[in-house]
Amino acid sequence: MSQRSDLRQHRAMLESAWSRWVPRMKDAGTRPVGAEALRRDVTESWMRSLDSVDPALDSAPVTDGGAVHHRWLGSPLRRPVAGLTDELRAIAEDAGFVTAVTDETGTILWTCGGRTMRRQAERVNFAPGGRWDEDAMGTNALSLALRTGRPSSVFSAEHLVSALHGWVCYCAPVHGPDGRVLGVLDMSTTWDRSNPLAMATVRSLAATIESRLRTEPPRTGTIPAPVRLTCLGTGEAVRDGAALPLRPRQLEILTLLALEPDGFTPGRLRAALYGDRTVTASTFKAEISHLRRALDGGIATRRYALTTPVSCDAREVLRALEHGDVETALRLYRGPLLPRSEAPGIEEWRTHLEVAVREAVLAGTSPEHALRYGERAAYDAEVHEHALRLLDPHDTRRALALGRLTTALRY
């Protein structure tokens, strides 16, 4: 029998057990007779979790609105993890995993992985800001590793939350020199990619991080402030209140890296910047080198990706839309992405953002959102018609929307 068939049978057994026993545990508050076939650490975690977690949750709760850059910047794990960034990304992308690092509370601070897997993970908020401790998300490998201080794996329906039954997760806690658990290293993927070697890989990487924590000299001085990138309607990167001396091309690179945290191969980034234009390799590398110096080395080498916290207004707009927060998205969306840029990658993201914001407004039921968006979309008749449909017949703002619509229909 193939490994895939074995996995499928094991998953079916777990799904059946979950369906039979989880509701009975919730009602009885005890481990049902017959559950001995399951791992005791899993069923005991089910029992604990059911007091605070609904198995029908669709995603992990968010810490600090998902804004955890400052926590990652101050984390003792940031520097040793940054030294392994290329290796972690390569492993995650080659094996089809999403890799995450949490703090001691189970809040994810950093992730990497291929775009497809990362987007799947974001649907359950397995992303920076997501809370994955037992009280927040029930039984999962991350919460077990935090609780026991030992490596752990959880497969499919061993997860308490049914939205996670399509996943398998491998975790190892990371201990500081004093033995205290500082966080967890996690590698997760879909159940059908379960790999017996994944746990050994996670344990080895966690051990490397722990070794670097022991040998790395203590940090002195203040922690450098994160970079704030404003790229909607303008282009500026600021740190500690001072603008970074970046040329337009370097702002384009920084914007692309901020919008795609998983990073770029050199060839793909070059195409995103120059398209079919003939540009020498030295010119391209010089732009990367200048930006890397401005960020104090905050760009990985073999695969171009940010290794220093950069907050970005365009990324925040997308995050707000993902959470259905059109109000915040409109407040942050102050204009097109780097409006003067002709880089193909920027143009593609510019269109994506414009369409995403517009469609969110048109799908909504708020006349205020339609009116606000209409201020910037003077010739978008569909938006003005949408505002008129939503406004009360006696609302004096109908005159404003009607005037905009009349103007738009003339062109």
Protein backbone atom coordinates (compact mmCIF):
# COMPACT_ATOMS: atom_id res chain seq x y z
CA MET A 1 0.00 0.00 0.00
CA SER A 2 1.36 3.43 -0.91
CA GLN A 3 2.16 6.10 1.64
CA ARG A 4 -0.62 8.27 0.18
CA SER A 5 -3.17 5.48 0.72
CA ASP A 6 -1.95 4.99 4.29
CA LEU A 7 -2.31 8.69 4.95
CA ARG A 8 -5.79 8.75 3.44
CA GLN A 9 -6.93 5.85 5.63
CA HIS A 10 -5.41 7.39 8.74
CA ARG A 11 -7.10 10.70 7.98
CA ALA A 12 -10.46 9.00 7.49
CA MET A 13 -10.08 7.24 10.85
CA LEU A 14 -9.27 10.52 12.59
CA GLU A 15 -12.19 12.33 10.96
CA SER A 16 -14.54 9.60 12.15
CA ALA A 17 -13.09 9.72 15.67
CA TRP A 18 -13.32 13.52 15.78
CA SER A 19 -16.98 13.43 14.71
CA ARG A 20 -17.86 10.83 17.35
CA TRP A 21 -15.87 12.06 20.32
CA VAL A 22 -15.42 15.83 20.21
CA PRO A 23 -19.17 16.55 20.72
CA ARG A 24 -19.33 13.97 23.53
CA MET A 25 -16.30 15.48 25.25
CA LYS A 26 -17.88 18.91 25.08
CA ASP A 27 -21.09 17.64 26.66
CA ALA A 28 -19.60 15.23 29.20
CA GLY A 29 -16.37 17.01 30.02
CA THR A 30 -14.52 13.68 30.11
CA ARG A 31 -12.51 11.53 27.75
CA PRO A 32 -15.03 9.10 26.21
CA VAL A 33 -14.56 5.35 26.52
CA GLY A 34 -13.02 4.10 23.30
CA ALA A 35 -10.90 7.17 22.66
CA GLU A 36 -7.83 5.20 23.72
CA ALA A 37 -7.07 4.61 20.04
CA LEU A 38 -6.11 8.29 19.78
CA ARG A 39 -3.04 9.93 21.23
CA ARG A 40 -3.63 10.89 24.84
CA ASP A 41 -1.91 14.27 24.46
CA VAL A 42 -4.34 15.08 21.63
CA THR A 43 -7.54 14.03 23.42
CA GLU A 44 -6.47 15.72 26.66
CA SER A 45 -5.85 18.90 24.69
CA TRP A 46 -9.30 18.55 23.09
CA MET A 47 -10.84 18.41 26.54
CA ARG A 48 -8.95 21.48 27.76
CA SER A 49 -9.60 23.44 24.57
CA LEU A 50 -13.34 22.92 24.43
CA ASP A 51 -13.79 25.29 27.37
CA SER A 52 -12.58 28.25 25.29
CA VAL A 53 -12.51 27.25 21.60
CA ASP A 54 -15.37 26.56 19.20
CA PRO A 55 -14.36 23.69 16.85
CA ALA A 56 -16.25 25.52 14.08
CA LEU A 57 -13.83 28.49 14.10
CA ASP A 58 -12.77 29.44 10.59
CA SER A 59 -9.50 31.18 11.50
CA ALA A 60 -7.20 32.12 14.37
CA PRO A 61 -7.91 35.32 16.32
CA VAL A 62 -5.71 38.33 15.67
CA THR A 63 -3.29 39.99 18.09
CA ASP A 64 -2.84 43.78 17.91
CA GLY A 65 -4.82 43.94 14.68
CA GLY A 66 -2.10 41.86 13.01
CA ALA A 67 0.50 44.63 13.48
CA VAL A 68 3.32 42.68 15.13
CA HIS A 69 6.34 44.19 13.37
CA HIS A 70 7.43 45.90 16.58
CA ARG A 71 7.25 42.61 18.48
CA TRP A 72 9.35 40.84 15.87
CA LEU A 73 11.84 43.67 15.86
CA GLY A 74 12.37 43.25 19.61
CA SER A 75 12.26 39.44 19.64
CA PRO A 76 15.44 37.61 20.69
CA LEU A 77 14.68 35.14 17.88
CA ARG A 78 14.83 37.72 15.08
CA ARG A 79 18.59 37.78 14.54
CA PRO A 80 19.25 34.03 14.63
CA VAL A 81 16.26 33.45 12.35
CA ALA A 82 17.44 36.18 9.97
CA GLY A 83 20.73 34.27 9.63
CA LEU A 84 18.75 31.23 8.45
CA THR A 85 16.30 33.08 6.21
CA ASP A 86 17.63 31.73 2.92
CA GLU A 87 17.68 28.16 4.21
CA LEU A 88 14.20 28.42 5.74
CA ARG A 89 12.73 29.85 2.55
CA ALA A 90 14.41 27.23 0.36
CA ILE A 91 13.14 24.36 2.51
CA ALA A 92 9.61 25.77 2.67
CA GLU A 93 9.37 26.39 -1.07
CA ASP A 94 11.01 23.14 -2.18
CA ALA A 95 8.85 20.98 0.12
CA GLY A 96 5.61 22.95 -0.18
CA PHE A 97 5.51 24.12 3.44
CA VAL A 98 4.72 27.34 5.25
CA THR A 99 7.27 28.06 7.97
CA ALA A 100 6.43 30.25 10.95
CA VAL A 101 8.13 31.59 14.07
CA THR A 102 6.08 32.57 17.13
CA ASP A 103 6.80 34.26 20.42
CA GLU A 104 6.27 32.63 23.80
CA THR A 105 2.53 33.41 23.71
CA GLY A 106 1.90 31.53 20.47
CA THR A 107 1.51 34.68 18.37
CA ILE A 108 3.05 34.30 14.92
CA LEU A 109 5.68 36.96 14.26
CA TRP A 110 7.23 35.82 10.96
CA THR A 111 6.40 33.43 8.12
CA CYS A 112 7.81 32.32 4.79
CA GLY A 113 6.80 29.89 2.06
CA GLY A 114 5.61 29.67 -1.51
CA ARG A 115 2.87 32.03 -2.57
CA THR A 116 0.20 29.34 -3.03
CA MET A 117 0.77 27.68 0.34
CA ARG A 118 1.09 31.01 2.08
CA ARG A 119 -2.27 32.17 0.73
CA GLN A 120 -3.90 28.93 1.91
CA ALA A 121 -2.39 29.49 5.35
CA GLU A 122 -3.63 33.08 5.47
CA ARG A 123 -7.22 31.83 5.11
CA VAL A 124 -6.96 30.40 8.64
CA ASN A 125 -4.78 33.34 9.76
CA PHE A 126 -1.64 31.26 9.96
CA ALA A 127 0.14 34.55 9.42
CA PRO A 128 1.85 37.29 11.44
CA GLY A 129 -0.50 38.42 14.20
CA GLY A 130 -2.42 35.13 14.39
CA ARG A 131 -2.77 33.60 17.89
CA TRP A 132 -2.19 29.83 18.00
CA ASP A 133 -1.98 29.04 21.70
CA GLU A 134 -4.37 26.42 23.07
CA ASP A 135 -6.78 28.92 24.59
CA ALA A 136 -7.12 30.70 21.26
CA MET A 137 -7.00 27.94 18.64
CA GLY A 138 -7.31 24.66 20.49
CA THR A 139 -5.27 21.56 19.74
CA ASN A 140 -2.48 22.12 17.22
CA ALA A 141 1.21 21.28 17.08
CA LEU A 142 2.24 24.80 18.00
CA SER A 143 0.07 24.89 21.13
CA LEU A 144 1.28 21.44 22.22
CA ALA A 145 4.93 22.43 21.77
CA LEU A 146 4.36 25.56 23.85
CA ARG A 147 2.60 23.62 26.58
CA THR A 148 5.05 20.71 26.84
CA GLY A 149 8.30 22.38 25.80
CA ARG A 150 8.88 19.44 23.44
CA PRO A 151 8.62 18.94 19.66
CA SER A 152 5.15 18.01 18.47
CA SER A 153 3.23 17.13 15.33
CA VAL A 154 -0.53 17.17 14.71
CA PHE A 155 -2.10 15.53 11.66
CA SER A 156 -5.42 16.38 10.04
CA ALA A 157 -8.40 15.76 12.38
CA GLU A 158 -6.16 15.63 15.44
CA HIS A 159 -6.66 19.40 15.27
CA LEU A 160 -9.64 20.46 17.36
CA VAL A 161 -10.73 23.12 14.85
CA SER A 162 -12.27 21.49 11.79
CA ALA A 163 -10.92 24.20 9.45
CA LEU A 164 -7.44 22.76 10.12
CA HIS A 165 -8.27 19.16 9.21
CA GLY A 166 -6.64 19.64 5.83
CA TRP A 167 -3.26 20.38 7.44
CA VAL A 168 -0.34 18.65 9.09
CA CYS A 169 1.99 20.66 11.33
CA TYR A 170 5.46 20.00 12.77
CA CYS A 171 6.80 22.15 15.60
CA ALA A 172 9.78 22.47 17.88
CA PRO A 173 10.08 24.94 20.76
CA VAL A 174 13.07 27.26 20.81
CA HIS A 175 14.71 27.62 24.24
CA GLY A 176 16.84 30.51 25.35
CA PRO A 177 20.20 30.04 27.10
CA ASP A 178 18.35 30.04 30.44
CA GLY A 179 16.06 27.19 29.33
CA ARG A 180 13.00 29.39 28.93
CA VAL A 181 10.81 28.79 25.86
CA LEU A 182 11.12 31.90 23.66
CA GLY A 183 8.85 30.72 20.88
CA VAL A 184 8.18 27.92 18.43
CA LEU A 185 9.43 27.05 14.96
CA ASP A 186 6.61 25.55 12.89
CA MET A 187 6.48 23.91 9.47
CA SER A 188 2.97 23.26 8.12
CA THR A 189 1.54 21.88 4.90
CA THR A 190 -1.50 20.04 3.56
CA TRP A 191 -2.09 16.56 5.00
CA ASP A 192 -1.26 14.80 1.71
CA ARG A 193 2.28 16.22 1.83
CA SER A 194 2.98 14.73 5.25
CA ASN A 195 6.66 13.79 5.39
CA PRO A 196 8.34 11.73 8.15
CA LEU A 197 11.53 13.74 7.64
CA ALA A 198 9.83 17.06 8.41
CA MET A 199 10.03 16.64 12.19
CA ALA A 200 13.75 15.93 12.06
CA THR A 201 14.22 19.04 9.91
CA VAL A 202 12.27 21.25 12.32
CA ARG A 203 14.18 19.92 15.32
CA SER A 204 17.51 20.50 13.59
CA LEU A 205 16.62 24.07 12.61
CA ALA A 206 15.35 24.85 16.12
CA ALA A 207 18.60 23.47 17.55
CA THR A 208 20.58 25.74 15.20
CA ILE A 209 18.59 28.77 16.38
CA GLU A 210 19.21 27.78 20.02
CA SER A 211 22.94 27.41 19.31
CA ARG A 212 23.07 30.89 17.79
CA LEU A 213 21.23 32.28 20.81
CA ARG A 214 23.95 30.85 23.06
CA THR A 215 26.89 32.07 20.98
CA GLU A 216 25.55 35.41 19.74
CA PRO A 217 26.89 38.34 21.74
CA PRO A 218 24.29 40.29 23.72
CA ARG A 219 22.67 43.11 21.83
CA THR A 220 23.69 46.57 22.91
CA GLY A 221 22.25 49.98 22.26
CA THR A 222 18.77 50.66 21.03
CA ILE A 223 16.84 48.55 18.57
CA PRO A 224 16.63 50.29 15.18
CA ALA A 225 13.17 51.55 14.35
CA PRO A 226 11.20 49.81 11.60
CA VAL A 227 10.86 51.38 8.17
CA ARG A 228 7.54 52.97 7.24
CA LEU A 229 6.88 52.75 3.49
CA THR A 230 4.21 55.01 2.01
CA CYS A 231 3.60 54.09 -1.61
CA LEU A 232 -0.05 54.97 -2.27
CA GLY A 233 -0.34 58.27 -4.10
CA THR A 234 3.34 58.97 -3.43
CA GLY A 235 6.59 57.18 -2.63
CA GLU A 236 8.57 57.62 0.58
CA ALA A 237 10.38 55.43 3.09
CA VAL A 238 10.97 56.81 6.57
CA ARG A 239 12.90 55.55 9.59
CA ASP A 240 13.12 57.39 12.91
CA GLY A 241 11.37 60.37 11.34
CA ALA A 242 13.98 60.76 8.59
CA ALA A 243 13.42 59.88 4.93
CA LEU A 244 15.71 57.17 3.56
CA PRO A 245 17.78 58.40 0.58
CA LEU A 246 16.22 56.11 -2.04
CA ARG A 247 15.97 56.68 -5.76
CA PRO A 248 12.69 55.84 -7.56
CA ARG A 249 13.99 52.44 -8.68
CA GLN A 250 14.92 51.52 -5.12
CA LEU A 251 11.48 52.56 -3.89
CA GLU A 252 10.01 50.24 -6.53
CA ILE A 253 12.14 47.37 -5.25
CA LEU A 254 11.23 48.08 -1.63
CA THR A 255 7.53 48.24 -2.54
CA LEU A 256 7.63 44.93 -4.38
CA LEU A 257 9.45 43.23 -1.51
CA ALA A 258 6.97 44.65 1.00
CA LEU A 259 4.00 43.43 -1.06
CA GLU A 260 5.46 39.96 -1.58
CA PRO A 261 7.08 38.87 1.71
CA ASP A 262 8.06 35.51 0.23
CA GLY A 263 10.48 37.38 -1.98
CA PHE A 264 11.73 37.08 -5.56
CA THR A 265 14.29 35.12 -7.47
CA PRO A 266 16.78 37.52 -9.10
CA GLY A 267 15.30 36.82 -12.53
CA ARG A 268 11.71 37.44 -11.47
CA LEU A 269 12.55 40.68 -9.64
CA ARG A 270 14.53 41.92 -12.62
CA ALA A 271 11.55 41.24 -14.90
CA ALA A 272 9.18 42.97 -12.46
CA LEU A 273 11.38 46.07 -12.58
CA TYR A 274 12.49 46.27 -16.19
CA GLY A 275 10.22 44.00 -18.22
CA ASP A 276 11.74 43.44 -21.68
CA ARG A 277 14.18 46.34 -21.39
CA THR A 278 17.86 45.49 -21.74
CA VAL A 279 19.55 46.27 -18.42
CA THR A 280 22.97 45.06 -17.36
CA ALA A 281 23.33 42.75 -14.38
CA SER A 282 25.65 45.27 -12.71
CA THR A 283 23.01 48.01 -12.91
CA PHE A 284 20.39 45.73 -11.36
CA LYS A 285 22.72 44.55 -8.57
CA ALA A 286 23.79 48.14 -7.83
CA GLU A 287 20.17 49.09 -7.13
CA ILE A 288 19.79 46.12 -4.79
CA SER A 289 23.07 46.93 -3.02
CA HIS A 290 22.09 50.56 -2.43
CA LEU A 291 18.74 49.53 -0.97
CA ARG A 292 20.40 46.87 1.19
CA ARG A 293 22.79 49.47 2.62
CA ALA A 294 19.91 51.87 3.32
CA LEU A 295 18.14 49.07 5.22
CA ASP A 296 21.27 48.14 7.19
CA GLY A 297 21.53 44.83 5.35
CA GLY A 298 17.83 44.00 5.60
CA ILE A 299 17.54 42.04 2.32
CA ALA A 300 18.33 38.33 1.96
CA THR A 301 20.92 37.44 -0.65
CA ARG A 302 20.17 34.30 -2.65
CA ARG A 303 16.45 35.09 -2.84
CA TYR A 304 15.59 38.75 -2.52
CA ALA A 305 13.28 39.19 0.47
CA LEU A 306 13.07 41.59 3.40
CA THR A 307 14.70 40.50 6.64
CA THR A 308 13.94 43.73 8.49
CA PRO A 309 10.45 44.94 9.48
CA VAL A 310 8.89 47.26 6.91
CA SER A 311 5.31 48.47 7.35
CA CYS A 312 3.60 49.39 4.10
CA ASP A 313 0.32 51.24 3.52
CA ALA A 314 -0.49 49.17 0.41
CA ARG A 315 -0.07 45.94 2.35
CA GLU A 316 -2.30 47.31 5.10
CA VAL A 317 -5.03 48.09 2.55
CA LEU A 318 -4.93 44.49 1.33
CA ARG A 319 -5.00 43.16 4.89
CA ALA A 320 -8.01 45.35 5.70
CA LEU A 321 -9.86 44.09 2.64
CA GLU A 322 -9.07 40.49 3.57
CA HIS A 323 -10.79 41.11 6.91
CA GLY A 324 -13.76 42.88 5.28
CA ASP A 325 -12.74 46.25 6.78
CA VAL A 326 -13.59 48.56 3.88
CA GLU A 327 -13.56 51.61 6.16
CA THR A 328 -9.87 51.15 6.99
CA ALA A 329 -9.00 50.27 3.40
CA LEU A 330 -10.55 53.50 2.10
CA ARG A 331 -8.84 55.56 4.80
CA LEU A 332 -5.44 54.17 3.82
CA TYR A 333 -5.98 54.13 0.06
CA ARG A 334 -4.83 57.62 -0.80
CA GLY A 335 -4.12 57.07 -4.47
CA PRO A 336 -2.53 54.73 -7.03
CA LEU A 337 0.52 52.69 -6.12
CA LEU A 338 3.71 54.66 -6.94
CA PRO A 339 1.76 56.63 -9.58
CA ARG A 340 4.82 57.62 -11.65
CA SER A 341 6.28 54.14 -11.86
CA GLU A 342 6.26 52.23 -15.15
CA ALA A 343 7.79 49.06 -13.72
CA PRO A 344 5.69 46.06 -14.87
CA GLY A 345 5.51 44.58 -11.38
CA ILE A 346 4.33 47.87 -9.88
CA GLU A 347 1.76 48.36 -12.64
CA GLU A 348 0.38 44.88 -11.97
CA TRP A 349 0.05 45.54 -8.23
CA ARG A 350 -1.38 49.01 -8.90
CA THR A 351 -4.18 47.50 -10.96
CA HIS A 352 -4.77 44.78 -8.37
CA LEU A 353 -5.17 47.33 -5.58
CA GLU A 354 -7.42 49.63 -7.60
CA VAL A 355 -9.71 46.77 -8.60
CA ALA A 356 -9.78 45.30 -5.08
CA VAL A 357 -10.77 48.58 -3.43
CA ARG A 358 -13.35 49.44 -6.10
CA GLU A 359 -14.99 46.01 -5.99
CA ALA A 360 -15.16 46.14 -2.18
CA VAL A 361 -17.00 49.46 -2.40
CA LEU A 362 -19.40 48.21 -5.07
CA ALA A 363 -20.10 45.03 -3.08
CA GLY A 364 -20.83 47.01 0.08
CA THR A 365 -23.98 48.62 1.43
CA SER A 366 -22.47 51.81 2.78
CA PRO A 367 -23.31 55.02 0.90
CA GLU A 368 -20.49 56.74 2.82
CA HIS A 369 -17.96 54.35 1.29
CA ALA A 370 -19.34 54.91 -2.21
CA LEU A 371 -19.28 58.69 -1.77
CA ARG A 372 -15.77 58.68 -0.37
CA TYR A 373 -14.43 56.50 -3.16
CA GLY A 374 -16.32 58.65 -5.66
CA GLU A 375 -14.21 61.66 -4.64
CA ARG A 376 -11.21 60.01 -6.29
CA ALA A 377 -13.12 58.30 -9.12
CA ALA A 378 -14.65 61.34 -10.80
CA TYR A 379 -15.41 59.49 -14.06
CA ASP A 380 -16.57 56.18 -12.61
CA ALA A 381 -20.31 56.30 -13.36
CA GLU A 382 -20.92 52.87 -11.82
CA VAL A 383 -19.64 54.03 -8.43
CA HIS A 384 -21.82 57.16 -8.49
CA GLU A 385 -24.88 55.12 -9.51
CA HIS A 386 -24.13 52.75 -6.62
CA ALA A 387 -24.03 55.69 -4.20
CA LEU A 388 -27.40 56.93 -5.46
CA ARG A 389 -28.96 53.50 -4.99
CA LEU A 390 -27.76 53.36 -1.39
CA LEU A 391 -28.65 56.91 -0.34
CA ASP A 392 -32.00 57.60 1.27
CA PRO A 393 -34.35 59.49 -1.07
CA HIS A 394 -34.30 62.46 1.31
CA ASP A 395 -30.53 62.49 1.83
CA THR A 396 -29.15 65.82 0.67
CA ARG A 397 -25.95 64.08 -0.48
CA ARG A 398 -27.86 62.65 -3.42
CA ALA A 399 -27.26 65.98 -5.17
CA LEU A 400 -23.51 65.45 -4.84
CA ALA A 401 -23.68 61.91 -6.20
CA LEU A 402 -26.00 62.98 -9.03
CA GLY A 403 -23.68 65.82 -10.00
CA ARG A 404 -20.73 63.42 -10.15
CA LEU A 405 -22.73 60.96 -12.21
CA THR A 406 -23.78 63.67 -14.68
CA THR A 407 -20.15 64.74 -15.11
CA ALA A 408 -19.00 61.14 -15.59
CA LEU A 409 -21.64 60.45 -18.26
CA ARG A 410 -20.45 63.41 -20.32
CA TYR A 411 -17.09 61.76 -20.91
